[in-house]
Amino acid sequence: MMLIAAGIAIVLASQNPSYAATPQKAALGALYPVRPTVVVRTNVAGRYATVLIRGAMLEGAPIDAAILVERFSFGWQPIEVVNFVCRLRTHGLSLRDQQRLMLGMPSPLPPPPGRVCSDDPTDAGPVPQVEAVRRLMQGPLTPAVTVAGGYALGHWYGAGGGQSLFQLGAGTWRRLTGGGGALGVAAMRRYHVPQSVWCTFRIYGAPCKV
C-alpha cells in the first residue's frame, strides 16, 4: 500500500528518542529546522516509508533528498537519507517497492566508481535483539545494527557519523562506548568483545578473510 501526503506543516520532533509514532515525525526528528518546516510528500510501501521535507537541514546543509524510515515494534525510525541509490537498495526492498517509495521524490545518485551497494552494512542478528538495540540508538539516522555473541554494533550518521557498541547482560542491552568514526580492534579488546565476532561486525583492522 502507498500513502501520499502533500503540503503538511509539522513542528519538528525531539531528537530524543530516535523514533516516533508516524513516518513524518520520525523523519522530522532527524533534522534541524531553519524555517517553517513542511512535509511535502510521504510514500509508504510495507514497513518502509520515504518522507520529503522542506525547511530543514542535515549536517549543515539544506535537506533536498527523501528520508527513508522503517517501522519497528517500537515505532518508526529514520534510517537513511536517500541521496545515493545504495541507501535504498541495501535494505532488501523489492524493485516494485523501491519504485513506489521514490515516486515523486528527488532521484538518488548512482554509487561512486568502485563502490558496490553490498558494501553497506545492514541489520543482522535476531530481530528482537536488533530492535532492542535500535531503540537505544541516538544518532539522527540509524542505517544498521548487527547483533552477535552477546554484543551489538550500531551504525549512525547525520551529525557526522560513527558507531556505538552494546553488550547484553541479564536480558538488558547497555551501551559500552561509541562516538564519531569507526570502532577498531583496540576498542574490541578493551571491551572484551570475542574475536569470533569482529569479522561479523566488519571491524576495521580485524584479521578477516575476504
N, C-alpha and C. Protein backbone atom coordinates (compact mmCIF):
# COMPACT_ATOMS: atom_id res chain seq x y z
N MET A 1 0.85 -1.19 0.00
CA MET A 1 0.00 0.00 0.00
C MET A 1 0.88 1.23 0.00
N MET A 2 0.48 2.26 -0.78
CA MET A 2 1.24 3.50 -0.83
C MET A 2 0.34 4.64 -0.40
N LEU A 3 0.77 5.39 0.59
CA LEU A 3 0.04 6.55 1.06
C LEU A 3 0.84 7.79 0.71
N ILE A 4 0.16 8.85 0.26
CA ILE A 4 0.84 10.08 -0.12
C ILE A 4 0.21 11.24 0.60
N ALA A 5 1.04 12.06 1.25
CA ALA A 5 0.56 13.28 1.91
C ALA A 5 1.33 14.46 1.35
N ALA A 6 0.65 15.56 1.06
CA ALA A 6 1.32 16.72 0.47
C ALA A 6 0.98 17.97 1.25
N GLY A 7 1.99 18.88 1.38
CA GLY A 7 1.74 20.18 1.97
C GLY A 7 1.36 20.12 3.43
N ILE A 8 1.91 19.19 4.20
CA ILE A 8 1.58 19.06 5.61
C ILE A 8 2.62 19.80 6.43
N ALA A 9 2.22 20.79 7.20
CA ALA A 9 3.15 21.52 8.07
C ALA A 9 3.20 20.83 9.41
N ILE A 10 4.40 20.52 9.88
CA ILE A 10 4.57 19.79 11.13
C ILE A 10 5.72 20.40 11.90
N VAL A 11 5.59 20.56 13.21
CA VAL A 11 6.69 21.02 14.05
C VAL A 11 7.67 19.87 14.24
N LEU A 12 8.96 20.15 14.18
CA LEU A 12 9.96 19.10 14.31
C LEU A 12 9.86 18.38 15.65
N ALA A 13 10.06 17.07 15.58
CA ALA A 13 10.04 16.25 16.79
C ALA A 13 11.37 16.37 17.51
N SER A 14 11.40 15.90 18.74
CA SER A 14 12.63 15.93 19.53
C SER A 14 13.63 14.93 18.98
N GLN A 15 14.92 15.22 19.13
CA GLN A 15 15.96 14.30 18.72
C GLN A 15 15.98 13.07 19.63
N ASN A 16 15.28 13.09 20.74
CA ASN A 16 15.41 12.04 21.73
C ASN A 16 14.02 11.62 22.20
N PRO A 17 13.55 10.42 21.93
CA PRO A 17 14.26 9.29 21.32
C PRO A 17 14.30 9.38 19.80
N SER A 18 15.02 8.44 19.18
CA SER A 18 15.23 8.49 17.74
C SER A 18 14.19 7.67 16.99
N TYR A 19 12.94 7.75 17.41
CA TYR A 19 11.84 7.08 16.73
C TYR A 19 10.56 7.82 17.07
N ALA A 20 9.50 7.53 16.32
CA ALA A 20 8.24 8.26 16.52
C ALA A 20 7.07 7.39 16.08
N ALA A 21 5.87 7.89 16.32
CA ALA A 21 4.65 7.13 16.03
C ALA A 21 4.27 7.17 14.56
N THR A 22 4.79 8.14 13.79
CA THR A 22 4.46 8.24 12.37
C THR A 22 5.74 8.42 11.55
N PRO A 23 5.70 8.07 10.25
CA PRO A 23 6.88 8.28 9.41
C PRO A 23 7.32 9.74 9.37
N GLN A 24 6.34 10.65 9.29
CA GLN A 24 6.67 12.07 9.19
C GLN A 24 7.40 12.57 10.43
N LYS A 25 6.89 12.24 11.60
CA LYS A 25 7.53 12.68 12.83
C LYS A 25 8.91 12.07 13.01
N ALA A 26 9.05 10.82 12.59
CA ALA A 26 10.37 10.18 12.69
C ALA A 26 11.38 10.88 11.81
N ALA A 27 11.00 11.19 10.57
CA ALA A 27 11.91 11.87 9.65
C ALA A 27 12.24 13.27 10.15
N LEU A 28 11.24 13.98 10.63
CA LEU A 28 11.46 15.34 11.13
C LEU A 28 12.40 15.35 12.33
N GLY A 29 12.34 14.32 13.15
CA GLY A 29 13.18 14.24 14.34
C GLY A 29 14.65 14.11 14.03
N ALA A 30 15.00 13.72 12.78
CA ALA A 30 16.40 13.58 12.40
C ALA A 30 16.99 14.87 11.88
N LEU A 31 16.15 15.91 11.71
CA LEU A 31 16.58 17.13 11.04
C LEU A 31 16.57 18.34 11.96
N TYR A 32 17.18 19.43 11.47
CA TYR A 32 17.23 20.68 12.21
C TYR A 32 16.43 21.73 11.45
N PRO A 33 15.43 22.37 12.09
CA PRO A 33 14.60 23.33 11.36
C PRO A 33 15.32 24.66 11.14
N VAL A 34 15.12 25.23 9.95
CA VAL A 34 15.70 26.54 9.67
C VAL A 34 14.63 27.57 9.29
N ARG A 35 13.44 27.10 9.01
CA ARG A 35 12.30 27.98 8.72
C ARG A 35 11.05 27.11 8.87
N PRO A 36 9.84 27.64 8.68
CA PRO A 36 8.67 26.77 8.78
C PRO A 36 8.85 25.50 7.96
N THR A 37 8.78 24.38 8.63
CA THR A 37 9.14 23.10 8.04
C THR A 37 7.91 22.38 7.53
N VAL A 38 7.99 21.90 6.30
CA VAL A 38 6.84 21.29 5.65
C VAL A 38 7.19 19.90 5.15
N VAL A 39 6.32 18.94 5.43
CA VAL A 39 6.41 17.63 4.81
C VAL A 39 5.71 17.72 3.46
N VAL A 40 6.48 17.63 2.40
CA VAL A 40 5.96 17.81 1.05
C VAL A 40 5.27 16.55 0.55
N ARG A 41 5.85 15.40 0.88
CA ARG A 41 5.31 14.15 0.35
C ARG A 41 5.75 12.98 1.22
N THR A 42 4.88 12.01 1.35
CA THR A 42 5.19 10.76 2.06
C THR A 42 4.71 9.58 1.21
N ASN A 43 5.60 8.64 0.94
CA ASN A 43 5.23 7.39 0.27
C ASN A 43 5.47 6.23 1.23
N VAL A 44 4.55 5.29 1.27
CA VAL A 44 4.68 4.12 2.15
C VAL A 44 4.59 2.85 1.35
N ALA A 45 5.51 1.93 1.59
CA ALA A 45 5.49 0.60 0.98
C ALA A 45 5.85 -0.41 2.05
N GLY A 46 4.87 -1.17 2.52
CA GLY A 46 5.12 -2.13 3.58
C GLY A 46 5.58 -1.45 4.85
N ARG A 47 6.70 -1.91 5.40
CA ARG A 47 7.19 -1.34 6.66
C ARG A 47 8.16 -0.19 6.44
N TYR A 48 8.30 0.26 5.19
CA TYR A 48 9.18 1.37 4.87
C TYR A 48 8.38 2.58 4.39
N ALA A 49 8.96 3.76 4.56
CA ALA A 49 8.36 4.98 4.04
C ALA A 49 9.47 5.94 3.65
N THR A 50 9.19 6.78 2.67
CA THR A 50 10.07 7.89 2.33
C THR A 50 9.33 9.18 2.61
N VAL A 51 10.05 10.16 3.15
CA VAL A 51 9.45 11.44 3.52
C VAL A 51 10.30 12.56 2.93
N LEU A 52 9.68 13.44 2.17
CA LEU A 52 10.37 14.59 1.60
C LEU A 52 10.00 15.84 2.39
N ILE A 53 11.00 16.56 2.87
CA ILE A 53 10.81 17.68 3.80
C ILE A 53 11.49 18.93 3.24
N ARG A 54 10.85 20.05 3.41
CA ARG A 54 11.45 21.33 3.07
C ARG A 54 11.54 22.20 4.33
N GLY A 55 12.58 23.05 4.37
CA GLY A 55 12.74 23.96 5.50
C GLY A 55 13.54 23.39 6.65
N ALA A 56 14.40 22.40 6.36
CA ALA A 56 15.21 21.78 7.41
C ALA A 56 16.60 21.48 6.87
N MET A 57 17.53 21.24 7.80
CA MET A 57 18.91 20.97 7.43
C MET A 57 19.40 19.68 8.07
N LEU A 58 20.42 19.10 7.45
CA LEU A 58 21.12 17.94 7.98
C LEU A 58 22.59 18.12 7.69
N GLU A 59 23.42 17.99 8.72
CA GLU A 59 24.87 18.15 8.59
C GLU A 59 25.22 19.50 7.93
N GLY A 60 24.53 20.54 8.35
CA GLY A 60 24.87 21.89 7.93
C GLY A 60 24.41 22.28 6.55
N ALA A 61 23.59 21.45 5.88
CA ALA A 61 23.14 21.76 4.53
C ALA A 61 21.64 21.52 4.43
N PRO A 62 20.94 22.29 3.60
CA PRO A 62 19.50 22.06 3.42
C PRO A 62 19.25 20.64 2.91
N ILE A 63 18.25 20.00 3.44
CA ILE A 63 17.93 18.64 3.02
C ILE A 63 17.15 18.70 1.72
N ASP A 64 17.66 18.01 0.69
CA ASP A 64 16.99 18.02 -0.61
C ASP A 64 16.79 16.60 -1.14
N ALA A 65 16.79 15.64 -0.24
CA ALA A 65 16.56 14.24 -0.60
C ALA A 65 15.54 13.65 0.37
N ALA A 66 14.94 12.55 -0.04
CA ALA A 66 13.96 11.88 0.81
C ALA A 66 14.66 11.20 2.00
N ILE A 67 13.96 11.14 3.12
CA ILE A 67 14.41 10.39 4.29
C ILE A 67 13.71 9.04 4.27
N LEU A 68 14.47 7.95 4.37
CA LEU A 68 13.91 6.61 4.45
C LEU A 68 13.72 6.24 5.91
N VAL A 69 12.50 5.85 6.27
CA VAL A 69 12.21 5.43 7.64
C VAL A 69 11.65 4.01 7.61
N GLU A 70 11.83 3.29 8.70
CA GLU A 70 11.37 1.90 8.80
C GLU A 70 10.54 1.74 10.06
N ARG A 71 9.49 0.92 9.95
CA ARG A 71 8.62 0.68 11.10
C ARG A 71 9.10 -0.56 11.86
N PHE A 72 9.38 -0.36 13.15
CA PHE A 72 9.75 -1.44 14.05
C PHE A 72 8.66 -1.62 15.10
N SER A 73 8.84 -2.54 16.01
CA SER A 73 7.82 -2.79 17.03
C SER A 73 7.60 -1.60 17.93
N PHE A 74 8.63 -0.74 18.07
CA PHE A 74 8.54 0.42 18.97
C PHE A 74 8.12 1.70 18.24
N GLY A 75 8.04 1.66 16.91
CA GLY A 75 7.66 2.84 16.16
C GLY A 75 8.49 2.99 14.89
N TRP A 76 8.39 4.14 14.25
CA TRP A 76 9.13 4.44 13.03
C TRP A 76 10.47 5.07 13.37
N GLN A 77 11.53 4.62 12.67
CA GLN A 77 12.87 5.14 12.93
C GLN A 77 13.52 5.58 11.61
N PRO A 78 14.13 6.78 11.58
CA PRO A 78 14.83 7.21 10.37
C PRO A 78 16.12 6.42 10.18
N ILE A 79 16.32 5.90 8.96
CA ILE A 79 17.49 5.05 8.75
C ILE A 79 18.44 5.55 7.67
N GLU A 80 17.95 6.31 6.69
CA GLU A 80 18.82 6.75 5.61
C GLU A 80 18.35 8.08 5.02
N VAL A 81 19.30 8.83 4.44
CA VAL A 81 18.98 9.89 3.50
C VAL A 81 19.15 9.29 2.11
N VAL A 82 18.11 9.29 1.31
CA VAL A 82 18.17 8.59 0.03
C VAL A 82 18.73 9.52 -1.05
N ASN A 83 19.98 9.92 -0.87
CA ASN A 83 20.66 10.72 -1.89
C ASN A 83 21.56 9.86 -2.77
N PHE A 84 21.80 8.61 -2.38
CA PHE A 84 22.52 7.63 -3.19
C PHE A 84 21.67 6.37 -3.31
N VAL A 85 21.71 5.71 -4.45
CA VAL A 85 20.84 4.56 -4.68
C VAL A 85 21.12 3.41 -3.70
N CYS A 86 22.38 3.28 -3.26
CA CYS A 86 22.71 2.19 -2.34
C CYS A 86 21.94 2.31 -1.03
N ARG A 87 21.64 3.53 -0.63
CA ARG A 87 20.94 3.72 0.64
C ARG A 87 19.49 3.26 0.57
N LEU A 88 19.02 2.94 -0.62
CA LEU A 88 17.70 2.35 -0.77
C LEU A 88 17.80 0.85 -1.05
N ARG A 89 18.77 0.48 -1.86
CA ARG A 89 18.87 -0.91 -2.33
C ARG A 89 19.35 -1.89 -1.26
N THR A 90 20.11 -1.42 -0.28
CA THR A 90 20.73 -2.35 0.67
C THR A 90 19.76 -2.89 1.71
N HIS A 91 18.51 -2.45 1.72
CA HIS A 91 17.58 -2.86 2.77
C HIS A 91 16.62 -3.96 2.34
N GLY A 92 16.96 -4.67 1.28
CA GLY A 92 16.17 -5.83 0.89
C GLY A 92 14.82 -5.50 0.29
N LEU A 93 14.66 -4.29 -0.22
CA LEU A 93 13.39 -3.88 -0.83
C LEU A 93 13.27 -4.44 -2.24
N SER A 94 12.07 -4.86 -2.61
CA SER A 94 11.83 -5.29 -3.98
C SER A 94 11.92 -4.09 -4.91
N LEU A 95 12.15 -4.36 -6.19
CA LEU A 95 12.20 -3.27 -7.17
C LEU A 95 10.89 -2.50 -7.19
N ARG A 96 9.77 -3.22 -7.05
CA ARG A 96 8.47 -2.56 -7.05
C ARG A 96 8.34 -1.61 -5.86
N ASP A 97 8.76 -2.06 -4.68
CA ASP A 97 8.68 -1.19 -3.51
C ASP A 97 9.62 0.00 -3.63
N GLN A 98 10.81 -0.22 -4.20
CA GLN A 98 11.73 0.91 -4.42
C GLN A 98 11.09 1.96 -5.32
N GLN A 99 10.41 1.50 -6.36
CA GLN A 99 9.75 2.44 -7.28
C GLN A 99 8.62 3.18 -6.58
N ARG A 100 7.87 2.49 -5.74
CA ARG A 100 6.77 3.14 -5.02
C ARG A 100 7.30 4.16 -4.03
N LEU A 101 8.37 3.82 -3.37
CA LEU A 101 8.93 4.75 -2.38
C LEU A 101 9.52 6.00 -3.03
N MET A 102 10.03 5.87 -4.25
CA MET A 102 10.69 7.00 -4.90
C MET A 102 9.76 7.78 -5.83
N LEU A 103 8.49 7.41 -5.90
CA LEU A 103 7.55 8.13 -6.75
C LEU A 103 7.44 9.59 -6.30
N GLY A 104 7.75 10.51 -7.21
CA GLY A 104 7.66 11.93 -6.90
C GLY A 104 8.78 12.45 -6.01
N MET A 105 9.80 11.63 -5.74
CA MET A 105 10.93 12.04 -4.89
C MET A 105 12.13 12.42 -5.76
N PRO A 106 13.05 13.24 -5.24
CA PRO A 106 14.29 13.53 -5.98
C PRO A 106 15.05 12.25 -6.29
N SER A 107 15.62 12.16 -7.47
CA SER A 107 16.34 10.95 -7.88
C SER A 107 17.67 10.84 -7.16
N PRO A 108 17.95 9.68 -6.57
CA PRO A 108 19.26 9.49 -5.91
C PRO A 108 20.37 9.30 -6.94
N LEU A 109 21.59 9.57 -6.51
CA LEU A 109 22.76 9.44 -7.37
C LEU A 109 23.23 7.99 -7.42
N PRO A 110 23.86 7.56 -8.52
CA PRO A 110 24.44 6.21 -8.57
C PRO A 110 25.64 6.13 -7.65
N PRO A 111 26.07 4.90 -7.33
CA PRO A 111 27.26 4.77 -6.46
C PRO A 111 28.51 5.28 -7.15
N PRO A 112 29.47 5.81 -6.37
CA PRO A 112 30.74 6.27 -6.97
C PRO A 112 31.47 5.10 -7.62
N PRO A 113 32.40 5.38 -8.53
CA PRO A 113 33.18 4.31 -9.17
C PRO A 113 33.89 3.43 -8.14
N GLY A 114 33.79 2.14 -8.35
CA GLY A 114 34.47 1.20 -7.47
C GLY A 114 33.68 0.79 -6.24
N ARG A 115 32.52 1.39 -6.02
CA ARG A 115 31.73 1.04 -4.84
C ARG A 115 30.51 0.23 -5.27
N VAL A 116 30.21 -0.83 -4.51
CA VAL A 116 29.01 -1.62 -4.76
C VAL A 116 28.11 -1.53 -3.54
N CYS A 117 26.81 -1.64 -3.78
CA CYS A 117 25.85 -1.44 -2.69
C CYS A 117 25.99 -2.48 -1.58
N SER A 118 26.50 -3.66 -1.91
CA SER A 118 26.64 -4.71 -0.90
C SER A 118 27.69 -4.38 0.14
N ASP A 119 28.49 -3.33 -0.10
CA ASP A 119 29.48 -2.91 0.89
C ASP A 119 28.84 -2.23 2.09
N ASP A 120 27.63 -1.72 1.93
CA ASP A 120 26.96 -1.01 3.01
C ASP A 120 26.45 -1.98 4.07
N PRO A 121 26.55 -1.65 5.37
CA PRO A 121 26.07 -2.55 6.42
C PRO A 121 24.55 -2.64 6.42
N THR A 122 24.04 -3.77 6.85
CA THR A 122 22.60 -3.97 7.01
C THR A 122 22.33 -4.65 8.34
N ASP A 123 21.09 -4.63 8.79
CA ASP A 123 20.73 -5.30 10.04
C ASP A 123 21.07 -6.79 9.96
N ALA A 124 21.60 -7.32 11.05
CA ALA A 124 21.94 -8.74 11.11
C ALA A 124 21.80 -9.22 12.55
N GLY A 125 21.25 -10.42 12.72
CA GLY A 125 21.06 -10.97 14.05
C GLY A 125 19.59 -11.18 14.35
N PRO A 126 19.27 -11.74 15.52
CA PRO A 126 17.87 -11.98 15.90
C PRO A 126 17.08 -10.67 15.90
N VAL A 127 15.94 -10.68 15.24
CA VAL A 127 15.15 -9.45 15.07
C VAL A 127 14.81 -8.79 16.41
N PRO A 128 14.34 -9.55 17.45
CA PRO A 128 14.02 -8.87 18.72
C PRO A 128 15.21 -8.15 19.34
N GLN A 129 16.41 -8.74 19.20
CA GLN A 129 17.60 -8.11 19.77
C GLN A 129 18.03 -6.90 18.93
N VAL A 130 17.93 -7.02 17.61
CA VAL A 130 18.25 -5.87 16.75
C VAL A 130 17.33 -4.70 17.09
N GLU A 131 16.05 -4.98 17.27
CA GLU A 131 15.10 -3.92 17.60
C GLU A 131 15.38 -3.32 18.97
N ALA A 132 15.76 -4.16 19.94
CA ALA A 132 16.07 -3.64 21.28
C ALA A 132 17.24 -2.66 21.23
N VAL A 133 18.26 -2.98 20.42
CA VAL A 133 19.40 -2.08 20.30
C VAL A 133 19.03 -0.83 19.52
N ARG A 134 18.26 -1.01 18.45
CA ARG A 134 17.82 0.15 17.67
C ARG A 134 17.08 1.16 18.55
N ARG A 135 16.32 0.68 19.47
CA ARG A 135 15.57 1.58 20.35
C ARG A 135 16.50 2.44 21.21
N LEU A 136 17.73 1.97 21.45
CA LEU A 136 18.70 2.70 22.27
C LEU A 136 19.58 3.65 21.46
N MET A 137 19.57 3.51 20.14
CA MET A 137 20.44 4.33 19.30
C MET A 137 20.01 5.79 19.36
N GLN A 138 20.99 6.70 19.34
CA GLN A 138 20.71 8.12 19.48
C GLN A 138 21.14 8.95 18.27
N GLY A 139 21.69 8.34 17.24
CA GLY A 139 22.06 9.10 16.06
C GLY A 139 20.85 9.58 15.30
N PRO A 140 20.98 10.66 14.54
CA PRO A 140 19.85 11.12 13.73
C PRO A 140 19.32 10.03 12.80
N LEU A 141 20.25 9.26 12.19
CA LEU A 141 19.87 8.18 11.28
C LEU A 141 20.61 6.91 11.67
N THR A 142 19.91 5.79 11.69
CA THR A 142 20.50 4.51 12.09
C THR A 142 20.32 3.51 10.97
N PRO A 143 21.27 3.41 10.05
CA PRO A 143 21.10 2.52 8.90
C PRO A 143 21.18 1.04 9.23
N ALA A 144 21.94 0.66 10.27
CA ALA A 144 22.14 -0.76 10.51
C ALA A 144 22.54 -1.05 11.95
N VAL A 145 22.11 -2.22 12.42
CA VAL A 145 22.53 -2.76 13.72
C VAL A 145 22.87 -4.23 13.51
N THR A 146 24.03 -4.65 13.99
CA THR A 146 24.45 -6.04 13.91
C THR A 146 24.58 -6.60 15.32
N VAL A 147 23.96 -7.76 15.55
CA VAL A 147 24.00 -8.43 16.85
C VAL A 147 24.71 -9.77 16.70
N ALA A 148 25.69 -10.04 17.56
CA ALA A 148 26.42 -11.31 17.52
C ALA A 148 27.13 -11.53 18.85
N GLY A 149 27.07 -12.76 19.36
CA GLY A 149 27.85 -13.14 20.53
C GLY A 149 27.61 -12.32 21.78
N GLY A 150 26.39 -11.85 21.99
CA GLY A 150 26.09 -11.06 23.18
C GLY A 150 26.51 -9.60 23.08
N TYR A 151 26.96 -9.18 21.91
CA TYR A 151 27.32 -7.79 21.66
C TYR A 151 26.55 -7.28 20.44
N ALA A 152 26.48 -5.97 20.31
CA ALA A 152 25.82 -5.36 19.15
C ALA A 152 26.59 -4.12 18.74
N LEU A 153 26.63 -3.89 17.44
CA LEU A 153 27.27 -2.71 16.88
C LEU A 153 26.24 -1.95 16.06
N GLY A 154 25.97 -0.70 16.46
CA GLY A 154 25.02 0.13 15.75
C GLY A 154 25.74 1.21 14.96
N HIS A 155 25.29 1.45 13.73
CA HIS A 155 25.85 2.48 12.87
C HIS A 155 24.92 3.69 12.85
N TRP A 156 25.49 4.89 12.83
CA TRP A 156 24.66 6.10 12.77
C TRP A 156 25.37 7.15 11.93
N TYR A 157 24.57 8.09 11.40
CA TYR A 157 25.13 9.26 10.74
C TYR A 157 24.07 10.36 10.72
N GLY A 158 24.45 11.53 10.23
CA GLY A 158 23.53 12.66 10.19
C GLY A 158 24.05 13.86 10.95
N ALA A 159 24.95 13.65 11.87
CA ALA A 159 25.67 14.73 12.56
C ALA A 159 27.12 14.25 12.63
N GLY A 160 27.72 14.09 11.47
CA GLY A 160 28.93 13.31 11.37
C GLY A 160 28.53 11.86 11.14
N GLY A 161 29.20 10.95 11.78
CA GLY A 161 28.87 9.54 11.65
C GLY A 161 29.76 8.72 12.55
N GLY A 162 29.28 7.55 12.95
CA GLY A 162 30.08 6.72 13.82
C GLY A 162 29.37 5.43 14.17
N GLN A 163 29.85 4.80 15.23
CA GLN A 163 29.32 3.51 15.68
C GLN A 163 29.16 3.52 17.20
N SER A 164 28.24 2.69 17.69
CA SER A 164 28.03 2.50 19.12
C SER A 164 28.07 1.01 19.43
N LEU A 165 28.77 0.65 20.50
CA LEU A 165 28.92 -0.74 20.90
C LEU A 165 28.07 -1.02 22.13
N PHE A 166 27.34 -2.13 22.11
CA PHE A 166 26.46 -2.52 23.20
C PHE A 166 26.78 -3.95 23.65
N GLN A 167 26.43 -4.23 24.92
CA GLN A 167 26.58 -5.58 25.45
C GLN A 167 25.28 -6.01 26.12
N LEU A 168 24.94 -7.28 25.94
CA LEU A 168 23.74 -7.85 26.55
C LEU A 168 24.10 -8.52 27.87
N GLY A 169 23.38 -8.15 28.94
CA GLY A 169 23.62 -8.75 30.24
C GLY A 169 22.33 -8.82 31.03
N ALA A 170 22.01 -9.99 31.56
CA ALA A 170 20.78 -10.19 32.33
C ALA A 170 19.55 -9.75 31.55
N GLY A 171 19.57 -10.01 30.24
CA GLY A 171 18.43 -9.70 29.40
C GLY A 171 18.29 -8.25 29.00
N THR A 172 19.31 -7.42 29.33
CA THR A 172 19.23 -5.99 29.04
C THR A 172 20.46 -5.54 28.27
N TRP A 173 20.23 -4.72 27.25
CA TRP A 173 21.34 -4.16 26.49
C TRP A 173 21.83 -2.87 27.15
N ARG A 174 23.14 -2.70 27.22
CA ARG A 174 23.71 -1.45 27.73
C ARG A 174 24.81 -0.98 26.79
N ARG A 175 24.92 0.32 26.65
CA ARG A 175 25.91 0.90 25.76
C ARG A 175 27.27 0.90 26.44
N LEU A 176 28.29 0.42 25.74
CA LEU A 176 29.65 0.39 26.27
C LEU A 176 30.47 1.59 25.83
N THR A 177 30.40 1.93 24.56
CA THR A 177 31.18 3.04 24.03
C THR A 177 30.66 3.41 22.65
N GLY A 178 31.18 4.48 22.13
CA GLY A 178 30.81 4.90 20.78
C GLY A 178 31.08 6.37 20.59
N GLY A 179 31.00 6.80 19.36
CA GLY A 179 31.23 8.19 19.02
C GLY A 179 31.46 8.33 17.55
N GLY A 180 32.14 9.40 17.14
CA GLY A 180 32.42 9.62 15.74
C GLY A 180 33.47 8.66 15.21
N GLY A 181 33.27 8.21 14.01
CA GLY A 181 34.22 7.30 13.38
C GLY A 181 33.95 5.84 13.71
N ALA A 182 34.70 4.99 13.03
CA ALA A 182 34.53 3.55 13.20
C ALA A 182 35.32 3.04 14.40
N LEU A 183 34.76 2.06 15.09
CA LEU A 183 35.47 1.41 16.19
C LEU A 183 36.44 0.37 15.62
N GLY A 184 37.62 0.31 16.20
CA GLY A 184 38.64 -0.60 15.71
C GLY A 184 38.94 -1.74 16.66
N VAL A 185 40.00 -2.47 16.34
CA VAL A 185 40.40 -3.64 17.12
C VAL A 185 40.70 -3.26 18.57
N ALA A 186 41.33 -2.10 18.79
CA ALA A 186 41.67 -1.69 20.16
C ALA A 186 40.43 -1.58 21.03
N ALA A 187 39.35 -1.03 20.49
CA ALA A 187 38.11 -0.92 21.26
C ALA A 187 37.51 -2.29 21.52
N MET A 188 37.59 -3.19 20.57
CA MET A 188 37.05 -4.54 20.77
C MET A 188 37.79 -5.25 21.90
N ARG A 189 39.10 -5.08 21.95
CA ARG A 189 39.88 -5.71 23.02
C ARG A 189 39.59 -5.06 24.37
N ARG A 190 39.45 -3.74 24.36
CA ARG A 190 39.21 -3.02 25.61
C ARG A 190 37.90 -3.47 26.26
N TYR A 191 36.90 -3.77 25.44
CA TYR A 191 35.60 -4.16 25.99
C TYR A 191 35.35 -5.65 25.89
N HIS A 192 36.42 -6.41 25.66
CA HIS A 192 36.39 -7.87 25.73
C HIS A 192 35.38 -8.49 24.75
N VAL A 193 35.27 -7.87 23.59
CA VAL A 193 34.41 -8.44 22.55
C VAL A 193 35.14 -9.64 21.95
N PRO A 194 34.51 -10.82 21.92
CA PRO A 194 35.20 -12.00 21.39
C PRO A 194 35.67 -11.79 19.95
N GLN A 195 36.86 -12.27 19.67
CA GLN A 195 37.41 -12.11 18.33
C GLN A 195 36.54 -12.79 17.29
N SER A 196 35.76 -13.78 17.71
CA SER A 196 34.90 -14.51 16.77
C SER A 196 33.83 -13.63 16.14
N VAL A 197 33.54 -12.47 16.73
CA VAL A 197 32.50 -11.61 16.16
C VAL A 197 33.08 -10.36 15.48
N TRP A 198 34.38 -10.17 15.56
CA TRP A 198 34.97 -8.98 14.95
C TRP A 198 34.64 -8.89 13.46
N CYS A 199 34.76 -10.01 12.77
CA CYS A 199 34.52 -10.01 11.32
C CYS A 199 33.04 -9.82 11.01
N THR A 200 32.17 -10.37 11.86
CA THR A 200 30.74 -10.14 11.69
C THR A 200 30.43 -8.66 11.79
N PHE A 201 31.12 -7.96 12.68
CA PHE A 201 30.94 -6.52 12.85
C PHE A 201 31.71 -5.70 11.80
N ARG A 202 32.52 -6.38 10.99
CA ARG A 202 33.36 -5.69 9.99
C ARG A 202 34.26 -4.64 10.66
N ILE A 203 34.89 -5.07 11.72
CA ILE A 203 35.74 -4.15 12.48
C ILE A 203 36.98 -3.79 11.68
N TYR A 204 37.26 -2.49 11.64
CA TYR A 204 38.43 -2.01 10.92
C TYR A 204 39.71 -2.58 11.54
N GLY A 205 40.54 -3.18 10.71
CA GLY A 205 41.81 -3.72 11.16
C GLY A 205 41.73 -5.15 11.66
N ALA A 206 40.53 -5.76 11.69
CA ALA A 206 40.40 -7.14 12.15
C ALA A 206 40.98 -8.09 11.09
N PRO A 207 41.64 -9.18 11.52
CA PRO A 207 42.25 -10.11 10.57
C PRO A 207 41.19 -11.04 9.98
N CYS A 208 40.41 -10.54 9.05
CA CYS A 208 39.33 -11.30 8.46
C CYS A 208 39.70 -11.77 7.06
N LYS A 209 39.21 -12.94 6.69
CA LYS A 209 39.41 -13.45 5.34
C LYS A 209 38.40 -12.77 4.42
N VAL A 210 38.86 -12.39 3.26
CA VAL A 210 37.99 -11.72 2.27
C VAL A 210 37.52 -12.73 1.24
